[in-house]
Amino acid sequence: MFTLLETAPWTGRSSNPSNPDANMLTMPFGERGLITYLVLERTREVYVVRVQWL
């Protein structure tokens, strides 16, 4: 997951359906995991906000 966030962070989908171009994204992982992260393009940084799994 971290390699994907480093190389292609925009592959997730927007966490706000009414704003598909938002920089807060979510991406499923594993069988029942979900990671929410923030992409700051100007500084080329990605911040993991939340990791959830059941």
PDB file of N, CA and C in Angstrom:
ATOM      1  N   MET A   1       0.824  -1.186   0.000  1.00  0.00           N
ATOM      2  CA  MET A   1       0.000   0.000   0.000  1.00  0.00           C
ATOM      3  C   MET A   1       0.870   1.253   0.000  1.00  0.00           C
ATOM      4  N   PHE A   2       1.921   1.275   0.823  1.00  0.00           N
ATOM      5  CA  PHE A   2       2.752   2.473   0.878  1.00  0.00           C
ATOM      6  C   PHE A   2       3.491   2.715  -0.438  1.00  0.00           C
ATOM      7  N   THR A   3       3.896   1.658  -1.117  1.00  0.00           N
ATOM      8  CA  THR A   3       4.542   1.827  -2.417  1.00  0.00           C
ATOM      9  C   THR A   3       3.577   2.447  -3.414  1.00  0.00           C
ATOM     10  N   LEU A   4       2.342   2.005  -3.405  1.00  0.00           N
ATOM     11  CA  LEU A   4       1.335   2.574  -4.298  1.00  0.00           C
ATOM     12  C   LEU A   4       1.095   4.050  -3.982  1.00  0.00           C
ATOM     13  N   LEU A   5       1.042   4.399  -2.705  1.00  0.00           N
ATOM     14  CA  LEU A   5       0.844   5.801  -2.339  1.00  0.00           C
ATOM     15  C   LEU A   5       2.036   6.656  -2.744  1.00  0.00           C
ATOM     16  N   GLU A   6       3.234   6.073  -2.731  1.00  0.00           N
ATOM     17  CA  GLU A   6       4.423   6.822  -3.138  1.00  0.00           C
ATOM     18  C   GLU A   6       4.475   7.039  -4.647  1.00  0.00           C
ATOM     19  N   THR A   7       4.051   6.056  -5.409  1.00  0.00           N
ATOM     20  CA  THR A   7       4.208   6.117  -6.859  1.00  0.00           C
ATOM     21  C   THR A   7       2.972   6.612  -7.606  1.00  0.00           C
ATOM     22  N   ALA A   8       1.785   6.330  -7.109  1.00  0.00           N
ATOM     23  CA  ALA A   8       0.547   6.706  -7.814  1.00  0.00           C
ATOM     24  C   ALA A   8      -0.554   7.061  -6.826  1.00  0.00           C
ATOM     25  N   PRO A   9      -0.394   8.150  -6.077  1.00  0.00           N
ATOM     26  CA  PRO A   9      -1.391   8.457  -5.042  1.00  0.00           C
ATOM     27  C   PRO A   9      -2.770   8.828  -5.572  1.00  0.00           C
ATOM     28  N   TRP A  10      -2.880   9.268  -6.817  1.00  0.00           N
ATOM     29  CA  TRP A  10      -4.169   9.695  -7.348  1.00  0.00           C
ATOM     30  C   TRP A  10      -5.025   8.532  -7.831  1.00  0.00           C
ATOM     31  N   THR A  11      -4.597   7.285  -7.612  1.00  0.00           N
ATOM     32  CA  THR A  11      -5.393   6.139  -8.044  1.00  0.00           C
ATOM     33  C   THR A  11      -6.571   5.862  -7.122  1.00  0.00           C
ATOM     34  N   GLY A  12      -6.589   6.439  -5.935  1.00  0.00           N
ATOM     35  CA  GLY A  12      -7.728   6.275  -5.033  1.00  0.00           C
ATOM     36  C   GLY A  12      -8.928   7.061  -5.542  1.00  0.00           C
ATOM     37  N   ARG A  13     -10.041   6.921  -4.839  1.00  0.00           N
ATOM     38  CA  ARG A  13     -11.219   7.699  -5.243  1.00  0.00           C
ATOM     39  C   ARG A  13     -11.534   8.733  -4.162  1.00  0.00           C
ATOM     40  N   SER A  14     -12.150   9.796  -4.581  1.00  0.00           N
ATOM     41  CA  SER A  14     -12.436  10.913  -3.688  1.00  0.00           C
ATOM     42  C   SER A  14     -13.298  10.461  -2.512  1.00  0.00           C
ATOM     43  N   SER A  15     -12.964  10.949  -1.334  1.00  0.00           N
ATOM     44  CA  SER A  15     -13.780  10.620  -0.168  1.00  0.00           C
ATOM     45  C   SER A  15     -15.050  11.465  -0.113  1.00  0.00           C
ATOM     46  N   ASN A  16     -15.151  12.453  -0.996  1.00  0.00           N
ATOM     47  CA  ASN A  16     -16.320  13.321  -1.087  1.00  0.00           C
ATOM     48  C   ASN A  16     -16.951  13.135  -2.467  1.00  0.00           C
ATOM     49  N   PRO A  17     -18.029  12.358  -2.572  1.00  0.00           N
ATOM     50  CA  PRO A  17     -18.641  12.093  -3.880  1.00  0.00           C
ATOM     51  C   PRO A  17     -19.085  13.347  -4.636  1.00  0.00           C
ATOM     52  N   SER A  18     -19.411  14.408  -3.935  1.00  0.00           N
ATOM     53  CA  SER A  18     -19.842  15.629  -4.620  1.00  0.00           C
ATOM     54  C   SER A  18     -18.666  16.443  -5.165  1.00  0.00           C
ATOM     55  N   ASN A  19     -17.436  16.065  -4.785  1.00  0.00           N
ATOM     56  CA  ASN A  19     -16.235  16.751  -5.289  1.00  0.00           C
ATOM     57  C   ASN A  19     -15.213  15.694  -5.718  1.00  0.00           C
ATOM     58  N   PRO A  20     -15.339  15.181  -6.935  1.00  0.00           N
ATOM     59  CA  PRO A  20     -14.461  14.097  -7.371  1.00  0.00           C
ATOM     60  C   PRO A  20     -13.002  14.505  -7.527  1.00  0.00           C
ATOM     61  N   ASP A  21     -12.697  15.793  -7.554  1.00  0.00           N
ATOM     62  CA  ASP A  21     -11.320  16.261  -7.694  1.00  0.00           C
ATOM     63  C   ASP A  21     -10.675  16.622  -6.360  1.00  0.00           C
ATOM     64  N   ALA A  22     -11.300  16.254  -5.263  1.00  0.00           N
ATOM     65  CA  ALA A  22     -10.764  16.578  -3.936  1.00  0.00           C
ATOM     66  C   ALA A  22      -9.442  15.851  -3.704  1.00  0.00           C
ATOM     67  N   ASN A  23      -8.638  16.392  -2.805  1.00  0.00           N
ATOM     68  CA  ASN A  23      -7.349  15.767  -2.536  1.00  0.00           C
ATOM     69  C   ASN A  23      -7.380  14.815  -1.334  1.00  0.00           C
ATOM     70  N   MET A  24      -8.553  14.606  -0.740  1.00  0.00           N
ATOM     71  CA  MET A  24      -8.730  13.590   0.304  1.00  0.00           C
ATOM     72  C   MET A  24      -9.309  12.357  -0.390  1.00  0.00           C
ATOM     73  N   LEU A  25      -8.536  11.270  -0.393  1.00  0.00           N
ATOM     74  CA  LEU A  25      -8.899  10.080  -1.151  1.00  0.00           C
ATOM     75  C   LEU A  25      -9.003   8.854  -0.250  1.00  0.00           C
ATOM     76  N   THR A  26      -9.705   7.849  -0.744  1.00  0.00           N
ATOM     77  CA  THR A  26      -9.789   6.563  -0.053  1.00  0.00           C
ATOM     78  C   THR A  26      -9.406   5.453  -1.023  1.00  0.00           C
ATOM     79  N   MET A  27      -8.886   4.355  -0.451  1.00  0.00           N
ATOM     80  CA  MET A  27      -8.528   3.211  -1.281  1.00  0.00           C
ATOM     81  C   MET A  27      -8.686   1.940  -0.434  1.00  0.00           C
ATOM     82  N   PRO A  28      -9.402   0.961  -0.964  1.00  0.00           N
ATOM     83  CA  PRO A  28      -9.528  -0.304  -0.241  1.00  0.00           C
ATOM     84  C   PRO A  28      -8.228  -1.104  -0.351  1.00  0.00           C
ATOM     85  N   PHE A  29      -7.980  -1.945   0.649  1.00  0.00           N
ATOM     86  CA  PHE A  29      -6.828  -2.836   0.602  1.00  0.00           C
ATOM     87  C   PHE A  29      -7.166  -4.131   1.317  1.00  0.00           C
ATOM     88  N   GLY A  30      -6.504  -5.198   0.928  1.00  0.00           N
ATOM     89  CA  GLY A  30      -6.779  -6.492   1.534  1.00  0.00           C
ATOM     90  C   GLY A  30      -8.223  -6.899   1.316  1.00  0.00           C
ATOM     91  N   GLU A  31      -8.730  -7.712   2.230  1.00  0.00           N
ATOM     92  CA  GLU A  31     -10.117  -8.170   2.113  1.00  0.00           C
ATOM     93  C   GLU A  31     -11.118  -7.142   2.618  1.00  0.00           C
ATOM     94  N   ARG A  32     -10.805  -6.477   3.744  1.00  0.00           N
ATOM     95  CA  ARG A  32     -11.776  -5.541   4.321  1.00  0.00           C
ATOM     96  C   ARG A  32     -11.115  -4.299   4.900  1.00  0.00           C
ATOM     97  N   GLY A  33     -10.086  -3.801   4.246  1.00  0.00           N
ATOM     98  CA  GLY A  33      -9.395  -2.618   4.738  1.00  0.00           C
ATOM     99  C   GLY A  33      -9.714  -1.390   3.915  1.00  0.00           C
ATOM    100  N   LEU A  34      -9.564  -0.236   4.522  1.00  0.00           N
ATOM    101  CA  LEU A  34      -9.795   1.030   3.842  1.00  0.00           C
ATOM    102  C   LEU A  34      -8.806   2.046   4.409  1.00  0.00           C
ATOM    103  N   ILE A  35      -8.087   2.710   3.516  1.00  0.00           N
ATOM    104  CA  ILE A  35      -7.158   3.754   3.934  1.00  0.00           C
ATOM    105  C   ILE A  35      -7.653   5.086   3.384  1.00  0.00           C
ATOM    106  N   THR A  36      -7.619   6.109   4.226  1.00  0.00           N
ATOM    107  CA  THR A  36      -7.988   7.466   3.829  1.00  0.00           C
ATOM    108  C   THR A  36      -6.725   8.306   3.924  1.00  0.00           C
ATOM    109  N   TYR A  37      -6.454   9.079   2.878  1.00  0.00           N
ATOM    110  CA  TYR A  37      -5.214   9.840   2.844  1.00  0.00           C
ATOM    111  C   TYR A  37      -5.405  11.166   2.116  1.00  0.00           C
ATOM    112  N   LEU A  38      -4.481  12.060   2.368  1.00  0.00           N
ATOM    113  CA  LEU A  38      -4.510  13.406   1.821  1.00  0.00           C
ATOM    114  C   LEU A  38      -3.306  13.580   0.906  1.00  0.00           C
ATOM    115  N   VAL A  39      -3.527  14.080  -0.313  1.00  0.00           N
ATOM    116  CA  VAL A  39      -2.456  14.315  -1.271  1.00  0.00           C
ATOM    117  C   VAL A  39      -2.228  15.819  -1.384  1.00  0.00           C
ATOM    118  N   LEU A  40      -0.994  16.246  -1.107  1.00  0.00           N
ATOM    119  CA  LEU A  40      -0.606  17.646  -1.283  1.00  0.00           C
ATOM    120  C   LEU A  40       0.345  17.701  -2.473  1.00  0.00           C
ATOM    121  N   GLU A  41      -0.212  18.010  -3.630  1.00  0.00           N
ATOM    122  CA  GLU A  41       0.546  17.975  -4.887  1.00  0.00           C
ATOM    123  C   GLU A  41       1.672  19.006  -4.905  1.00  0.00           C
ATOM    124  N   ARG A  42       1.415  20.171  -4.387  1.00  0.00           N
ATOM    125  CA  ARG A  42       2.417  21.243  -4.431  1.00  0.00           C
ATOM    126  C   ARG A  42       3.719  20.838  -3.740  1.00  0.00           C
ATOM    127  N   THR A  43       3.614  20.183  -2.604  1.00  0.00           N
ATOM    128  CA  THR A  43       4.809  19.769  -1.860  1.00  0.00           C
ATOM    129  C   THR A  43       5.155  18.297  -2.086  1.00  0.00           C
ATOM    130  N   ARG A  44       4.371  17.619  -2.946  1.00  0.00           N
ATOM    131  CA  ARG A  44       4.578  16.213  -3.286  1.00  0.00           C
ATOM    132  C   ARG A  44       4.601  15.336  -2.026  1.00  0.00           C
ATOM    133  N   GLU A  45       3.574  15.533  -1.185  1.00  0.00           N
ATOM    134  CA  GLU A  45       3.458  14.788   0.061  1.00  0.00           C
ATOM    135  C   GLU A  45       2.124  14.053   0.112  1.00  0.00           C
ATOM    136  N   VAL A  46       2.126  12.919   0.808  1.00  0.00           N
ATOM    137  CA  VAL A  46       0.914  12.145   1.053  1.00  0.00           C
ATOM    138  C   VAL A  46       0.847  11.881   2.553  1.00  0.00           C
ATOM    139  N   TYR A  47      -0.271  12.211   3.168  1.00  0.00           N
ATOM    140  CA  TYR A  47      -0.478  11.984   4.597  1.00  0.00           C
ATOM    141  C   TYR A  47      -1.585  10.962   4.794  1.00  0.00           C
ATOM    142  N   VAL A  48      -1.287   9.913   5.527  1.00  0.00           N
ATOM    143  CA  VAL A  48      -2.301   8.916   5.858  1.00  0.00           C
ATOM    144  C   VAL A  48      -3.112   9.463   7.020  1.00  0.00           C
ATOM    145  N   VAL A  49      -4.418   9.570   6.808  1.00  0.00           N
ATOM    146  CA  VAL A  49      -5.325  10.141   7.809  1.00  0.00           C
ATOM    147  C   VAL A  49      -5.951   9.042   8.667  1.00  0.00           C
ATOM    148  N   ARG A  50      -6.353   7.945   8.031  1.00  0.00           N
ATOM    149  CA  ARG A  50      -7.025   6.872   8.765  1.00  0.00           C
ATOM    150  C   ARG A  50      -6.792   5.545   8.065  1.00  0.00           C
ATOM    151  N   VAL A  51      -6.604   4.513   8.874  1.00  0.00           N
ATOM    152  CA  VAL A  51      -6.524   3.134   8.367  1.00  0.00           C
ATOM    153  C   VAL A  51      -7.568   2.339   9.131  1.00  0.00           C
ATOM    154  N   GLN A  52      -8.467   1.688   8.395  1.00  0.00           N
ATOM    155  CA  GLN A  52      -9.532   0.888   9.003  1.00  0.00           C
ATOM    156  C   GLN A  52      -9.516  -0.516   8.419  1.00  0.00           C
ATOM    157  N   TRP A  53      -9.754  -1.507   9.251  1.00  0.00           N
ATOM    158  CA  TRP A  53      -9.992  -2.849   8.761  1.00  0.00           C
ATOM    159  C   TRP A  53     -10.805  -3.608   9.794  1.00  0.00           C
ATOM    160  N   LEU A  54     -11.550  -4.555   9.287  1.00  0.00           N
ATOM    161  CA  LEU A  54     -12.430  -5.364  10.140  1.00  0.00           C
ATOM    162  C   LEU A  54     -11.995  -6.804  10.109  1.00  0.00           C
TER     163      LEU A  54
END
